[in-house]
mmCIF file of all heavy atoms, coordinates in Angstrom:
data_MODEL
# 
_entry.id   MODEL 
# 
loop_
_atom_site.group_PDB 
_atom_site.id 
_atom_site.type_symbol 
_atom_site.label_atom_id 
_atom_site.label_alt_id 
_atom_site.label_comp_id 
_atom_site.label_asym_id 
_atom_site.label_entity_id 
_atom_site.label_seq_id 
_atom_site.pdbx_PDB_ins_code 
_atom_site.Cartn_x 
_atom_site.Cartn_y 
_atom_site.Cartn_z 
_atom_site.occupancy 
_atom_site.B_iso_or_equiv 
_atom_site.pdbx_formal_charge 
_atom_site.auth_seq_id 
_atom_site.auth_comp_id 
_atom_site.auth_asym_id 
_atom_site.auth_atom_id 
_atom_site.pdbx_PDB_model_num 
ATOM 1   N N   . VAL A 1 1  ? -4.028 5.021   -11.841 1.00 0.00 ? 1  VAL A N   1 
ATOM 2   C CA  . VAL A 1 1  ? -2.791 4.292   -12.093 1.00 0.00 ? 1  VAL A CA  1 
ATOM 3   C C   . VAL A 1 1  ? -2.743 3.108   -11.140 1.00 0.00 ? 1  VAL A C   1 
ATOM 4   O O   . VAL A 1 1  ? -1.989 3.075   -10.169 1.00 0.00 ? 1  VAL A O   1 
ATOM 5   C CB  . VAL A 1 1  ? -1.556 5.196   -11.921 1.00 0.00 ? 1  VAL A CB  1 
ATOM 6   C CG1 . VAL A 1 1  ? -0.294 4.462   -12.375 1.00 0.00 ? 1  VAL A CG1 1 
ATOM 7   C CG2 . VAL A 1 1  ? -1.719 6.482   -12.717 1.00 0.00 ? 1  VAL A CG2 1 
ATOM 8   N N   . ASP A 1 2  ? -3.567 2.137   -11.430 1.00 0.00 ? 2  ASP A N   1 
ATOM 9   C CA  . ASP A 1 2  ? -3.738 0.977   -10.540 1.00 0.00 ? 2  ASP A CA  1 
ATOM 10  C C   . ASP A 1 2  ? -3.368 -0.276  -11.320 1.00 0.00 ? 2  ASP A C   1 
ATOM 11  O O   . ASP A 1 2  ? -4.173 -1.162  -11.532 1.00 0.00 ? 2  ASP A O   1 
ATOM 12  C CB  . ASP A 1 2  ? -5.194 0.909   -10.060 1.00 0.00 ? 2  ASP A CB  1 
ATOM 13  C CG  . ASP A 1 2  ? -5.394 -0.141  -8.978  1.00 0.00 ? 2  ASP A CG  1 
ATOM 14  O OD1 . ASP A 1 2  ? -4.390 -0.627  -8.441  1.00 0.00 ? 2  ASP A OD1 1 
ATOM 15  O OD2 . ASP A 1 2  ? -6.551 -0.480  -8.692  1.00 0.00 ? 2  ASP A OD2 1 
ATOM 16  N N   . TYR A 1 3  ? -2.094 -0.343  -11.748 1.00 0.00 ? 3  TYR A N   1 
ATOM 17  C CA  . TYR A 1 3  ? -1.692 -1.402  -12.667 1.00 0.00 ? 3  TYR A CA  1 
ATOM 18  C C   . TYR A 1 3  ? -1.464 -2.739  -11.987 1.00 0.00 ? 3  TYR A C   1 
ATOM 19  O O   . TYR A 1 3  ? -1.447 -3.780  -12.634 1.00 0.00 ? 3  TYR A O   1 
ATOM 20  C CB  . TYR A 1 3  ? -0.419 -0.991  -13.419 1.00 0.00 ? 3  TYR A CB  1 
ATOM 21  C CG  . TYR A 1 3  ? 0.799  -0.826  -12.537 1.00 0.00 ? 3  TYR A CG  1 
ATOM 22  C CD1 . TYR A 1 3  ? 1.743  -1.837  -12.416 1.00 0.00 ? 3  TYR A CD1 1 
ATOM 23  C CD2 . TYR A 1 3  ? 1.008  0.352   -11.835 1.00 0.00 ? 3  TYR A CD2 1 
ATOM 24  C CE1 . TYR A 1 3  ? 2.845  -1.678  -11.613 1.00 0.00 ? 3  TYR A CE1 1 
ATOM 25  C CE2 . TYR A 1 3  ? 2.105  0.520   -11.038 1.00 0.00 ? 3  TYR A CE2 1 
ATOM 26  C CZ  . TYR A 1 3  ? 3.037  -0.497  -10.924 1.00 0.00 ? 3  TYR A CZ  1 
ATOM 27  O OH  . TYR A 1 3  ? 4.125  -0.349  -10.110 1.00 0.00 ? 3  TYR A OH  1 
ATOM 28  N N   . GLN A 1 4  ? -1.243 -2.765  -10.682 1.00 0.00 ? 4  GLN A N   1 
ATOM 29  C CA  . GLN A 1 4  ? -1.056 -4.025  -9.961  1.00 0.00 ? 4  GLN A CA  1 
ATOM 30  C C   . GLN A 1 4  ? -1.852 -4.017  -8.657  1.00 0.00 ? 4  GLN A C   1 
ATOM 31  O O   . GLN A 1 4  ? -1.418 -4.571  -7.651  1.00 0.00 ? 4  GLN A O   1 
ATOM 32  C CB  . GLN A 1 4  ? 0.430  -4.267  -9.669  1.00 0.00 ? 4  GLN A CB  1 
ATOM 33  C CG  . GLN A 1 4  ? 1.257  -4.600  -10.901 1.00 0.00 ? 4  GLN A CG  1 
ATOM 34  C CD  . GLN A 1 4  ? 2.715  -4.868  -10.561 1.00 0.00 ? 4  GLN A CD  1 
ATOM 35  O OE1 . GLN A 1 4  ? 3.182  -4.587  -9.467  1.00 0.00 ? 4  GLN A OE1 1 
ATOM 36  N NE2 . GLN A 1 4  ? 3.448  -5.412  -11.513 1.00 0.00 ? 4  GLN A NE2 1 
ATOM 37  N N   . GLU A 1 5  ? -3.003 -3.372  -8.701  1.00 0.00 ? 5  GLU A N   1 
ATOM 38  C CA  . GLU A 1 5  ? -3.829 -3.220  -7.512  1.00 0.00 ? 5  GLU A CA  1 
ATOM 39  C C   . GLU A 1 5  ? -3.004 -2.686  -6.345  1.00 0.00 ? 5  GLU A C   1 
ATOM 40  O O   . GLU A 1 5  ? -3.009 -3.211  -5.242  1.00 0.00 ? 5  GLU A O   1 
ATOM 41  C CB  . GLU A 1 5  ? -4.491 -4.550  -7.137  1.00 0.00 ? 5  GLU A CB  1 
ATOM 42  C CG  . GLU A 1 5  ? -5.465 -5.053  -8.193  1.00 0.00 ? 5  GLU A CG  1 
ATOM 43  C CD  . GLU A 1 5  ? -6.211 -6.293  -7.759  1.00 0.00 ? 5  GLU A CD  1 
ATOM 44  O OE1 . GLU A 1 5  ? -5.926 -6.791  -6.660  1.00 0.00 ? 5  GLU A OE1 1 
ATOM 45  O OE2 . GLU A 1 5  ? -7.087 -6.744  -8.515  1.00 0.00 ? 5  GLU A OE2 1 
ATOM 46  N N   . MET A 1 6  ? -2.269 -1.634  -6.634  1.00 0.00 ? 6  MET A N   1 
ATOM 47  C CA  . MET A 1 6  ? -1.412 -1.045  -5.616  1.00 0.00 ? 6  MET A CA  1 
ATOM 48  C C   . MET A 1 6  ? -2.260 -0.470  -4.483  1.00 0.00 ? 6  MET A C   1 
ATOM 49  O O   . MET A 1 6  ? -3.233 0.232   -4.728  1.00 0.00 ? 6  MET A O   1 
ATOM 50  C CB  . MET A 1 6  ? -0.533 0.048   -6.222  1.00 0.00 ? 6  MET A CB  1 
ATOM 51  C CG  . MET A 1 6  ? 0.493  -0.465  -7.212  1.00 0.00 ? 6  MET A CG  1 
ATOM 52  S SD  . MET A 1 6  ? 1.586  0.847   -7.778  1.00 0.00 ? 6  MET A SD  1 
ATOM 53  C CE  . MET A 1 6  ? 0.443  1.921   -8.622  1.00 0.00 ? 6  MET A CE  1 
ATOM 54  N N   . LYS A 1 7  ? -1.858 -0.748  -3.280  1.00 0.00 ? 7  LYS A N   1 
ATOM 55  C CA  . LYS A 1 7  ? -2.597 -0.286  -2.110  1.00 0.00 ? 7  LYS A CA  1 
ATOM 56  C C   . LYS A 1 7  ? -1.675 0.522   -1.191  1.00 0.00 ? 7  LYS A C   1 
ATOM 57  O O   . LYS A 1 7  ? -0.463 0.492   -1.308  1.00 0.00 ? 7  LYS A O   1 
ATOM 58  C CB  . LYS A 1 7  ? -3.176 -1.478  -1.339  1.00 0.00 ? 7  LYS A CB  1 
ATOM 59  C CG  . LYS A 1 7  ? -4.038 -2.420  -2.172  1.00 0.00 ? 7  LYS A CG  1 
ATOM 60  C CD  . LYS A 1 7  ? -5.268 -1.720  -2.738  1.00 0.00 ? 7  LYS A CD  1 
ATOM 61  C CE  . LYS A 1 7  ? -6.118 -2.674  -3.567  1.00 0.00 ? 7  LYS A CE  1 
ATOM 62  N NZ  . LYS A 1 7  ? -7.265 -1.997  -4.195  1.00 0.00 ? 7  LYS A NZ  1 
ATOM 63  N N   . ASN A 1 8  ? -2.307 1.232   -0.287  1.00 0.00 ? 8  ASN A N   1 
ATOM 64  C CA  . ASN A 1 8  ? -1.596 1.948   0.774   1.00 0.00 ? 8  ASN A CA  1 
ATOM 65  C C   . ASN A 1 8  ? -0.617 2.996   0.240   1.00 0.00 ? 8  ASN A C   1 
ATOM 66  O O   . ASN A 1 8  ? 0.437  3.225   0.835   1.00 0.00 ? 8  ASN A O   1 
ATOM 67  C CB  . ASN A 1 8  ? -0.852 0.963   1.688   1.00 0.00 ? 8  ASN A CB  1 
ATOM 68  C CG  . ASN A 1 8  ? -1.775 -0.055  2.309   1.00 0.00 ? 8  ASN A CG  1 
ATOM 69  O OD1 . ASN A 1 8  ? -2.880 0.279   2.740   1.00 0.00 ? 8  ASN A OD1 1 
ATOM 70  N ND2 . ASN A 1 8  ? -1.332 -1.302  2.340   1.00 0.00 ? 8  ASN A ND2 1 
ATOM 71  N N   . LEU A 1 9  ? -0.969 3.627   -0.865  1.00 0.00 ? 9  LEU A N   1 
ATOM 72  C CA  . LEU A 1 9  ? -0.168 4.732   -1.369  1.00 0.00 ? 9  LEU A CA  1 
ATOM 73  C C   . LEU A 1 9  ? -0.817 6.029   -0.918  1.00 0.00 ? 9  LEU A C   1 
ATOM 74  O O   . LEU A 1 9  ? -2.000 6.258   -1.155  1.00 0.00 ? 9  LEU A O   1 
ATOM 75  C CB  . LEU A 1 9  ? -0.077 4.681   -2.898  1.00 0.00 ? 9  LEU A CB  1 
ATOM 76  C CG  . LEU A 1 9  ? 0.704  3.517   -3.491  1.00 0.00 ? 9  LEU A CG  1 
ATOM 77  C CD1 . LEU A 1 9  ? 0.653  3.563   -5.007  1.00 0.00 ? 9  LEU A CD1 1 
ATOM 78  C CD2 . LEU A 1 9  ? 2.150  3.515   -3.015  1.00 0.00 ? 9  LEU A CD2 1 
ATOM 79  N N   . GLY A 1 10 ? -0.022 6.882   -0.300  1.00 0.00 ? 10 GLY A N   1 
ATOM 80  C CA  . GLY A 1 10 ? -0.592 8.087   0.276   1.00 0.00 ? 10 GLY A CA  1 
ATOM 81  C C   . GLY A 1 10 ? -0.347 9.356   -0.506  1.00 0.00 ? 10 GLY A C   1 
ATOM 82  O O   . GLY A 1 10 ? -0.880 10.412  -0.164  1.00 0.00 ? 10 GLY A O   1 
ATOM 83  N N   . SER A 1 11 ? 0.476  9.284   -1.568  1.00 0.00 ? 11 SER A N   1 
ATOM 84  C CA  . SER A 1 11 ? 0.790  10.498  -2.312  1.00 0.00 ? 11 SER A CA  1 
ATOM 85  C C   . SER A 1 11 ? 1.224  10.154  -3.727  1.00 0.00 ? 11 SER A C   1 
ATOM 86  O O   . SER A 1 11 ? 1.534  9.000   -4.045  1.00 0.00 ? 11 SER A O   1 
ATOM 87  C CB  . SER A 1 11 ? 1.921  11.270  -1.617  1.00 0.00 ? 11 SER A CB  1 
ATOM 88  O OG  . SER A 1 11 ? 3.142  10.545  -1.707  1.00 0.00 ? 11 SER A OG  1 
ATOM 89  N N   . LEU A 1 12 ? 1.266  11.181  -4.572  1.00 0.00 ? 12 LEU A N   1 
ATOM 90  C CA  . LEU A 1 12 ? 1.717  10.980  -5.940  1.00 0.00 ? 12 LEU A CA  1 
ATOM 91  C C   . LEU A 1 12 ? 3.206  10.665  -5.982  1.00 0.00 ? 12 LEU A C   1 
ATOM 92  O O   . LEU A 1 12 ? 3.671  9.930   -6.858  1.00 0.00 ? 12 LEU A O   1 
ATOM 93  C CB  . LEU A 1 12 ? 1.412  12.223  -6.770  1.00 0.00 ? 12 LEU A CB  1 
ATOM 94  C CG  . LEU A 1 12 ? -0.063 12.617  -6.872  1.00 0.00 ? 12 LEU A CG  1 
ATOM 95  C CD1 . LEU A 1 12 ? -0.233 13.832  -7.776  1.00 0.00 ? 12 LEU A CD1 1 
ATOM 96  C CD2 . LEU A 1 12 ? -0.907 11.450  -7.383  1.00 0.00 ? 12 LEU A CD2 1 
ATOM 97  N N   . GLU A 1 13 ? 3.956  11.221  -5.039  1.00 0.00 ? 13 GLU A N   1 
ATOM 98  C CA  . GLU A 1 13 ? 5.386  10.902  -4.972  1.00 0.00 ? 13 GLU A CA  1 
ATOM 99  C C   . GLU A 1 13 ? 5.603  9.418   -4.683  1.00 0.00 ? 13 GLU A C   1 
ATOM 100 O O   . GLU A 1 13 ? 6.474  8.775   -5.285  1.00 0.00 ? 13 GLU A O   1 
ATOM 101 C CB  . GLU A 1 13 ? 6.063  11.749  -3.887  1.00 0.00 ? 13 GLU A CB  1 
ATOM 102 C CG  . GLU A 1 13 ? 6.182  13.224  -4.207  1.00 0.00 ? 13 GLU A CG  1 
ATOM 103 C CD  . GLU A 1 13 ? 4.925  14.024  -3.845  1.00 0.00 ? 13 GLU A CD  1 
ATOM 104 O OE1 . GLU A 1 13 ? 3.919  13.413  -3.408  1.00 0.00 ? 13 GLU A OE1 1 
ATOM 105 O OE2 . GLU A 1 13 ? 4.952  15.249  -3.997  1.00 0.00 ? 13 GLU A OE2 1 
ATOM 106 N N   . GLU A 1 14 ? 4.800  8.866   -3.783  1.00 0.00 ? 14 GLU A N   1 
ATOM 107 C CA  . GLU A 1 14 ? 4.896  7.435   -3.481  1.00 0.00 ? 14 GLU A CA  1 
ATOM 108 C C   . GLU A 1 14 ? 4.510  6.603   -4.702  1.00 0.00 ? 14 GLU A C   1 
ATOM 109 O O   . GLU A 1 14 ? 5.122  5.557   -4.963  1.00 0.00 ? 14 GLU A O   1 
ATOM 110 C CB  . GLU A 1 14 ? 3.994  7.082   -2.305  1.00 0.00 ? 14 GLU A CB  1 
ATOM 111 C CG  . GLU A 1 14 ? 4.478  7.587   -0.964  1.00 0.00 ? 14 GLU A CG  1 
ATOM 112 C CD  . GLU A 1 14 ? 3.566  7.142   0.163   1.00 0.00 ? 14 GLU A CD  1 
ATOM 113 O OE1 . GLU A 1 14 ? 2.967  6.056   0.057   1.00 0.00 ? 14 GLU A OE1 1 
ATOM 114 O OE2 . GLU A 1 14 ? 3.443  7.901   1.154   1.00 0.00 ? 14 GLU A OE2 1 
ATOM 115 N N   . LEU A 1 15 ? 3.503  7.042   -5.438  1.00 0.00 ? 15 LEU A N   1 
ATOM 116 C CA  . LEU A 1 15 ? 3.094  6.335   -6.639  1.00 0.00 ? 15 LEU A CA  1 
ATOM 117 C C   . LEU A 1 15 ? 4.235  6.274   -7.649  1.00 0.00 ? 15 LEU A C   1 
ATOM 118 O O   . LEU A 1 15 ? 4.537  5.211   -8.207  1.00 0.00 ? 15 LEU A O   1 
ATOM 119 C CB  . LEU A 1 15 ? 1.883  7.034   -7.265  1.00 0.00 ? 15 LEU A CB  1 
ATOM 120 C CG  . LEU A 1 15 ? 1.500  6.606   -8.682  1.00 0.00 ? 15 LEU A CG  1 
ATOM 121 C CD1 . LEU A 1 15 ? 1.086  5.142   -8.732  1.00 0.00 ? 15 LEU A CD1 1 
ATOM 122 C CD2 . LEU A 1 15 ? 0.395  7.499   -9.234  1.00 0.00 ? 15 LEU A CD2 1 
ATOM 123 N N   . ALA A 1 16 ? 4.874  7.422   -7.901  1.00 0.00 ? 16 ALA A N   1 
ATOM 124 C CA  . ALA A 1 16 ? 5.966  7.473   -8.871  1.00 0.00 ? 16 ALA A CA  1 
ATOM 125 C C   . ALA A 1 16 ? 7.115  6.569   -8.443  1.00 0.00 ? 16 ALA A C   1 
ATOM 126 O O   . ALA A 1 16 ? 7.678  5.826   -9.260  1.00 0.00 ? 16 ALA A O   1 
ATOM 127 C CB  . ALA A 1 16 ? 6.453  8.911   -9.045  1.00 0.00 ? 16 ALA A CB  1 
ATOM 128 N N   . GLN A 1 17 ? 7.471  6.608   -7.170  1.00 0.00 ? 17 GLN A N   1 
ATOM 129 C CA  . GLN A 1 17 ? 8.577  5.787   -6.685  1.00 0.00 ? 17 GLN A CA  1 
ATOM 130 C C   . GLN A 1 17 ? 8.237  4.304   -6.758  1.00 0.00 ? 17 GLN A C   1 
ATOM 131 O O   . GLN A 1 17 ? 9.075  3.478   -7.130  1.00 0.00 ? 17 GLN A O   1 
ATOM 132 C CB  . GLN A 1 17 ? 8.937  6.178   -5.257  1.00 0.00 ? 17 GLN A CB  1 
ATOM 133 C CG  . GLN A 1 17 ? 10.230 5.536   -4.760  1.00 0.00 ? 17 GLN A CG  1 
ATOM 134 C CD  . GLN A 1 17 ? 11.421 5.926   -5.615  1.00 0.00 ? 17 GLN A CD  1 
ATOM 135 O OE1 . GLN A 1 17 ? 11.688 7.119   -5.820  1.00 0.00 ? 17 GLN A OE1 1 
ATOM 136 N NE2 . GLN A 1 17 ? 12.122 4.933   -6.148  1.00 0.00 ? 17 GLN A NE2 1 
ATOM 137 N N   . ARG A 1 18 ? 7.000  3.938   -6.420  1.00 0.00 ? 18 ARG A N   1 
ATOM 138 C CA  . ARG A 1 18 ? 6.589  2.538   -6.482  1.00 0.00 ? 18 ARG A CA  1 
ATOM 139 C C   . ARG A 1 18 ? 6.652  2.028   -7.929  1.00 0.00 ? 18 ARG A C   1 
ATOM 140 O O   . ARG A 1 18 ? 7.064  0.892   -8.173  1.00 0.00 ? 18 ARG A O   1 
ATOM 141 C CB  . ARG A 1 18 ? 5.174  2.388   -5.936  1.00 0.00 ? 18 ARG A CB  1 
ATOM 142 C CG  . ARG A 1 18 ? 4.584  0.979   -6.054  1.00 0.00 ? 18 ARG A CG  1 
ATOM 143 C CD  . ARG A 1 18 ? 5.159  0.014   -5.036  1.00 0.00 ? 18 ARG A CD  1 
ATOM 144 N NE  . ARG A 1 18 ? 4.755  0.402   -3.700  1.00 0.00 ? 18 ARG A NE  1 
ATOM 145 C CZ  . ARG A 1 18 ? 3.570  0.080   -3.159  1.00 0.00 ? 18 ARG A CZ  1 
ATOM 146 N NH1 . ARG A 1 18 ? 2.699  -0.655  -3.847  1.00 0.00 ? 18 ARG A NH1 1 
ATOM 147 N NH2 . ARG A 1 18 ? 3.293  0.465   -1.935  1.00 0.00 ? 18 ARG A NH2 1 
ATOM 148 N N   . PHE A 1 19 ? 6.225  2.853   -8.869  1.00 0.00 ? 19 PHE A N   1 
ATOM 149 C CA  . PHE A 1 19 ? 6.244  2.453   -10.278 1.00 0.00 ? 19 PHE A CA  1 
ATOM 150 C C   . PHE A 1 19 ? 7.672  2.141   -10.726 1.00 0.00 ? 19 PHE A C   1 
ATOM 151 O O   . PHE A 1 19 ? 7.925  1.110   -11.369 1.00 0.00 ? 19 PHE A O   1 
ATOM 152 C CB  . PHE A 1 19 ? 5.646  3.566   -11.133 1.00 0.00 ? 19 PHE A CB  1 
ATOM 153 C CG  . PHE A 1 19 ? 5.475  3.219   -12.582 1.00 0.00 ? 19 PHE A CG  1 
ATOM 154 C CD1 . PHE A 1 19 ? 4.367  2.502   -13.011 1.00 0.00 ? 19 PHE A CD1 1 
ATOM 155 C CD2 . PHE A 1 19 ? 6.416  3.606   -13.524 1.00 0.00 ? 19 PHE A CD2 1 
ATOM 156 C CE1 . PHE A 1 19 ? 4.198  2.170   -14.348 1.00 0.00 ? 19 PHE A CE1 1 
ATOM 157 C CE2 . PHE A 1 19 ? 6.255  3.283   -14.869 1.00 0.00 ? 19 PHE A CE2 1 
ATOM 158 C CZ  . PHE A 1 19 ? 5.151  2.564   -15.276 1.00 0.00 ? 19 PHE A CZ  1 
ATOM 159 N N   . ILE A 1 20 ? 8.612  3.027   -10.381 1.00 0.00 ? 20 ILE A N   1 
ATOM 160 C CA  . ILE A 1 20 ? 10.019 2.816   -10.752 1.00 0.00 ? 20 ILE A CA  1 
ATOM 161 C C   . ILE A 1 20 ? 10.584 1.594   -10.036 1.00 0.00 ? 20 ILE A C   1 
ATOM 162 O O   . ILE A 1 20 ? 11.271 0.758   -10.637 1.00 0.00 ? 20 ILE A O   1 
ATOM 163 C CB  . ILE A 1 20 ? 10.850 4.061   -10.423 1.00 0.00 ? 20 ILE A CB  1 
ATOM 164 C CG1 . ILE A 1 20 ? 10.356 5.269   -11.229 1.00 0.00 ? 20 ILE A CG1 1 
ATOM 165 C CG2 . ILE A 1 20 ? 12.329 3.794   -10.699 1.00 0.00 ? 20 ILE A CG2 1 
ATOM 166 C CD1 . ILE A 1 20 ? 10.465 5.127   -12.730 1.00 0.00 ? 20 ILE A CD1 1 
ATOM 167 N N   . ASP A 1 21 ? 10.292 1.464   -8.753  1.00 0.00 ? 21 ASP A N   1 
ATOM 168 C CA  . ASP A 1 21 ? 10.803 0.320   -7.978  1.00 0.00 ? 21 ASP A CA  1 
ATOM 169 C C   . ASP A 1 21 ? 10.286 -1.000  -8.528  1.00 0.00 ? 21 ASP A C   1 
ATOM 170 O O   . ASP A 1 21 ? 11.041 -1.984  -8.621  1.00 0.00 ? 21 ASP A O   1 
ATOM 171 C CB  . ASP A 1 21 ? 10.404 0.455   -6.506  1.00 0.00 ? 21 ASP A CB  1 
ATOM 172 C CG  . ASP A 1 21 ? 11.141 1.578   -5.792  1.00 0.00 ? 21 ASP A CG  1 
ATOM 173 O OD1 . ASP A 1 21 ? 12.132 2.079   -6.350  1.00 0.00 ? 21 ASP A OD1 1 
ATOM 174 O OD2 . ASP A 1 21 ? 10.709 1.951   -4.684  1.00 0.00 ? 21 ASP A OD2 1 
ATOM 175 N N   . ASP A 1 22 ? 9.009  -1.046  -8.904  1.00 0.00 ? 22 ASP A N   1 
ATOM 176 C CA  . ASP A 1 22 ? 8.431  -2.281  -9.432  1.00 0.00 ? 22 ASP A CA  1 
ATOM 177 C C   . ASP A 1 22 ? 9.074  -2.658  -10.758 1.00 0.00 ? 22 ASP A C   1 
ATOM 178 O O   . ASP A 1 22 ? 9.322  -3.836  -11.033 1.00 0.00 ? 22 ASP A O   1 
ATOM 179 C CB  . ASP A 1 22 ? 6.915  -2.128  -9.607  1.00 0.00 ? 22 ASP A CB  1 
ATOM 180 C CG  . ASP A 1 22 ? 6.174  -2.170  -8.278  1.00 0.00 ? 22 ASP A CG  1 
ATOM 181 O OD1 . ASP A 1 22 ? 6.806  -2.473  -7.253  1.00 0.00 ? 22 ASP A OD1 1 
ATOM 182 O OD2 . ASP A 1 22 ? 4.953  -1.908  -8.279  1.00 0.00 ? 22 ASP A OD2 1 
ATOM 183 N N   . TYR A 1 23 ? 9.330  -1.648  -11.585 1.00 0.00 ? 23 TYR A N   1 
ATOM 184 C CA  . TYR A 1 23 ? 9.994  -1.943  -12.858 1.00 0.00 ? 23 TYR A CA  1 
ATOM 185 C C   . TYR A 1 23 ? 11.396 -2.500  -12.622 1.00 0.00 ? 23 TYR A C   1 
ATOM 186 O O   . TYR A 1 23 ? 11.796 -3.495  -13.253 1.00 0.00 ? 23 TYR A O   1 
ATOM 187 C CB  . TYR A 1 23 ? 10.087 -0.689  -13.720 1.00 0.00 ? 23 TYR A CB  1 
ATOM 188 C CG  . TYR A 1 23 ? 11.000 -0.880  -14.911 1.00 0.00 ? 23 TYR A CG  1 
ATOM 189 C CD1 . TYR A 1 23 ? 10.564 -1.555  -16.041 1.00 0.00 ? 23 TYR A CD1 1 
ATOM 190 C CD2 . TYR A 1 23 ? 12.325 -0.422  -14.878 1.00 0.00 ? 23 TYR A CD2 1 
ATOM 191 C CE1 . TYR A 1 23 ? 11.404 -1.763  -17.127 1.00 0.00 ? 23 TYR A CE1 1 
ATOM 192 C CE2 . TYR A 1 23 ? 13.172 -0.639  -15.949 1.00 0.00 ? 23 TYR A CE2 1 
ATOM 193 C CZ  . TYR A 1 23 ? 12.714 -1.303  -17.070 1.00 0.00 ? 23 TYR A CZ  1 
ATOM 194 O OH  . TYR A 1 23 ? 13.549 -1.521  -18.131 1.00 0.00 ? 23 TYR A OH  1 
ATOM 195 N N   . GLU A 1 24 ? 12.165 -1.857  -11.747 1.00 0.00 ? 24 GLU A N   1 
ATOM 196 C CA  . GLU A 1 24 ? 13.540 -2.288  -11.517 1.00 0.00 ? 24 GLU A CA  1 
ATOM 197 C C   . GLU A 1 24 ? 13.588 -3.675  -10.893 1.00 0.00 ? 24 GLU A C   1 
ATOM 198 O O   . GLU A 1 24 ? 14.476 -4.479  -11.202 1.00 0.00 ? 24 GLU A O   1 
ATOM 199 C CB  . GLU A 1 24 ? 14.270 -1.264  -10.658 1.00 0.00 ? 24 GLU A CB  1 
ATOM 200 C CG  . GLU A 1 24 ? 14.463 0.072   -11.397 1.00 0.00 ? 24 GLU A CG  1 
ATOM 201 C CD  . GLU A 1 24 ? 15.308 1.066   -10.637 1.00 0.00 ? 24 GLU A CD  1 
ATOM 202 O OE1 . GLU A 1 24 ? 15.472 0.896   -9.415  1.00 0.00 ? 24 GLU A OE1 1 
ATOM 203 O OE2 . GLU A 1 24 ? 15.818 2.017   -11.269 1.00 0.00 ? 24 GLU A OE2 1 
ATOM 204 N N   . ALA A 1 25 ? 12.628 -3.978  -10.032 1.00 0.00 ? 25 ALA A N   1 
ATOM 205 C CA  . ALA A 1 25 ? 12.568 -5.323  -9.456  1.00 0.00 ? 25 ALA A CA  1 
ATOM 206 C C   . ALA A 1 25 ? 12.258 -6.349  -10.536 1.00 0.00 ? 25 ALA A C   1 
ATOM 207 O O   . ALA A 1 25 ? 12.846 -7.449  -10.562 1.00 0.00 ? 25 ALA A O   1 
ATOM 208 C CB  . ALA A 1 25 ? 11.508 -5.377  -8.354  1.00 0.00 ? 25 ALA A CB  1 
ATOM 209 N N   . SER A 1 26 ? 11.365 -6.004  -11.455 1.00 0.00 ? 26 SER A N   1 
ATOM 210 C CA  . SER A 1 26 ? 11.022 -6.907  -12.551 1.00 0.00 ? 26 SER A CA  1 
ATOM 211 C C   . SER A 1 26 ? 12.198 -7.091  -13.502 1.00 0.00 ? 26 SER A C   1 
ATOM 212 O O   . SER A 1 26 ? 12.483 -8.203  -13.966 1.00 0.00 ? 26 SER A O   1 
ATOM 213 C CB  . SER A 1 26 ? 9.815  -6.358  -13.314 1.00 0.00 ? 26 SER A CB  1 
ATOM 214 O OG  . SER A 1 26 ? 9.486  -7.173  -14.411 1.00 0.00 ? 26 SER A OG  1 
ATOM 215 N N   . ALA A 1 27 ? 12.904 -5.987  -13.809 1.00 0.00 ? 27 ALA A N   1 
ATOM 216 C CA  . ALA A 1 27 ? 14.052 -6.058  -14.709 1.00 0.00 ? 27 ALA A CA  1 
ATOM 217 C C   . ALA A 1 27 ? 15.191 -6.886  -14.103 1.00 0.00 ? 27 ALA A C   1 
ATOM 218 O O   . ALA A 1 27 ? 15.912 -7.582  -14.823 1.00 0.00 ? 27 ALA A O   1 
ATOM 219 C CB  . ALA A 1 27 ? 14.544 -4.652  -15.035 1.00 0.00 ? 27 ALA A CB  1 
ATOM 220 N N   . GLU A 1 28 ? 15.343 -6.813  -12.793 1.00 0.00 ? 28 GLU A N   1 
ATOM 221 C CA  . GLU A 1 28 ? 16.384 -7.594  -12.121 1.00 0.00 ? 28 GLU A CA  1 
ATOM 222 C C   . GLU A 1 28 ? 16.036 -9.078  -12.106 1.00 0.00 ? 28 GLU A C   1 
ATOM 223 O O   . GLU A 1 28 ? 16.904 -9.938  -12.285 1.00 0.00 ? 28 GLU A O   1 
ATOM 224 C CB  . GLU A 1 28 ? 16.582 -7.093  -10.691 1.00 0.00 ? 28 GLU A CB  1 
ATOM 225 C CG  . GLU A 1 28 ? 17.687 -7.810  -9.935  1.00 0.00 ? 28 GLU A CG  1 
ATOM 226 C CD  . GLU A 1 28 ? 17.909 -7.249  -8.548  1.00 0.00 ? 28 GLU A CD  1 
ATOM 227 O OE1 . GLU A 1 28 ? 17.302 -6.193  -8.220  1.00 0.00 ? 28 GLU A OE1 1 
ATOM 228 O OE2 . GLU A 1 28 ? 18.668 -7.865  -7.779  1.00 0.00 ? 28 GLU A OE2 1 
ATOM 229 N N   . GLU A 1 29 ? 14.759 -9.377  -11.888 1.00 0.00 ? 29 GLU A N   1 
ATOM 230 C CA  . GLU A 1 29 ? 14.333 -10.777 -11.827 1.00 0.00 ? 29 GLU A CA  1 
ATOM 231 C C   . GLU A 1 29 ? 14.302 -11.417 -13.213 1.00 0.00 ? 29 GLU A C   1 
ATOM 232 O O   . GLU A 1 29 ? 14.593 -12.615 -13.362 1.00 0.00 ? 29 GLU A O   1 
ATOM 233 C CB  . GLU A 1 29 ? 12.954 -10.864 -11.192 1.00 0.00 ? 29 GLU A CB  1 
ATOM 234 C CG  . GLU A 1 29 ? 12.460 -12.287 -10.986 1.00 0.00 ? 29 GLU A CG  1 
ATOM 235 C CD  . GLU A 1 29 ? 11.143 -12.344 -10.240 1.00 0.00 ? 29 GLU A CD  1 
ATOM 236 O OE1 . GLU A 1 29 ? 10.616 -11.280 -9.857  1.00 0.00 ? 29 GLU A OE1 1 
ATOM 237 O OE2 . GLU A 1 29 ? 10.638 -13.471 -10.042 1.00 0.00 ? 29 GLU A OE2 1 
# 
């Protein structure tokens, strides 16, 4: 799950949260 060359993720929980955060940031912008 490397859709934006995500780096420095240490767990699956961090991956899930980053995915949601990136979407919400995109939807806001």
